[in-house]
Amino acid sequence: MELKTARLTLLLDPAKKQAFEQLCAQQDVTPSQVVRRLIREYLESHGVEWEPSGARKPAADRKGR
C-alpha cells in the first residue's frame, strides 16, 4: 500500500473530462482511483518494477537496521 503521494497534473478536453467523471461516478470509483489503476497496469505491461513509497519491507529485510 502506498503511504506517500505525489501530484500529477494533466490537461485534457473539458468534454472528455466531464464524460470521464460521469463514468467514474456511475461505476462508484473516483477518477484518481481509475488513473492510479491505469498507471499501475501500464507499468506492469511494460515490465517496470517499482516499490511503493513509504511501503514497509518484510521483517526479514529490515534486520540489521
Protein backbone atom coordinates (compact mmCIF):
# COMPACT_ATOMS: atom_id res chain seq x y z
CA MET A 1 0.00 0.00 0.00
CA GLU A 2 1.33 3.42 -0.89
CA LEU A 3 1.74 5.75 2.06
CA LYS A 4 3.14 8.85 0.37
CA THR A 5 1.54 10.70 -2.52
CA ALA A 6 2.66 12.99 -5.33
CA ARG A 7 0.53 15.14 -7.60
CA LEU A 8 0.29 14.55 -11.36
CA THR A 9 -1.30 17.36 -13.36
CA LEU A 10 -2.61 16.74 -16.85
CA LEU A 11 -4.58 18.70 -19.39
CA LEU A 12 -7.46 17.29 -21.39
CA ASP A 13 -10.51 18.41 -23.29
CA PRO A 14 -13.27 19.62 -20.94
CA ALA A 15 -15.91 17.41 -22.60
CA LYS A 16 -13.68 14.34 -22.21
CA LYS A 17 -13.07 15.23 -18.55
CA GLN A 18 -16.80 15.54 -17.92
CA ALA A 19 -17.54 12.22 -19.62
CA PHE A 20 -14.75 10.54 -17.62
CA GLU A 21 -16.02 11.95 -14.33
CA GLN A 22 -19.59 10.87 -15.12
CA LEU A 23 -18.49 7.34 -15.98
CA CYS A 24 -16.44 7.12 -12.80
CA ALA A 25 -19.44 8.27 -10.75
CA GLN A 26 -21.65 5.65 -12.43
CA GLN A 27 -19.10 2.98 -11.51
CA ASP A 28 -18.74 4.31 -7.94
CA VAL A 29 -14.99 4.97 -8.28
CA THR A 30 -13.06 8.20 -8.14
CA PRO A 31 -11.15 9.50 -11.16
CA SER A 32 -7.97 9.22 -9.05
CA GLN A 33 -8.61 5.53 -8.40
CA VAL A 34 -9.01 4.88 -12.11
CA VAL A 35 -5.89 6.83 -13.07
CA ARG A 36 -3.80 5.07 -10.39
CA ARG A 37 -5.02 1.69 -11.68
CA LEU A 38 -4.24 2.65 -15.30
CA ILE A 39 -0.72 3.75 -14.35
CA ARG A 40 -0.13 0.55 -12.35
CA GLU A 41 -1.32 -1.60 -15.27
CA TYR A 42 0.77 0.40 -17.76
CA LEU A 43 3.92 -0.10 -15.68
CA GLU A 44 3.20 -3.83 -15.31
CA SER A 45 2.53 -4.27 -19.03
CA HIS A 46 5.96 -2.80 -19.78
CA GLY A 47 7.74 -4.88 -17.16
CA VAL A 48 8.57 -1.91 -14.95
CA GLU A 49 9.10 -2.90 -11.33
CA TRP A 50 8.60 -0.33 -8.59
CA GLU A 51 8.25 -0.23 -4.85
CA PRO A 52 5.54 1.96 -3.33
CA SER A 53 6.89 4.99 -1.46
CA GLY A 54 6.79 4.52 2.27
CA ALA A 55 5.95 0.82 1.98
CA ARG A 56 7.23 -1.27 4.87
CA LYS A 57 9.65 -4.01 3.95
CA PRO A 58 9.16 -7.52 5.36
CA ALA A 59 10.77 -8.02 8.78
CA ALA A 60 13.48 -10.27 7.28
CA ASP A 61 14.62 -7.39 5.03
CA ARG A 62 14.72 -4.91 7.93
CA LYS A 63 17.14 -6.92 10.09
CA GLY A 64 20.38 -5.13 10.73
CA ARG A 65 18.83 -1.66 10.72
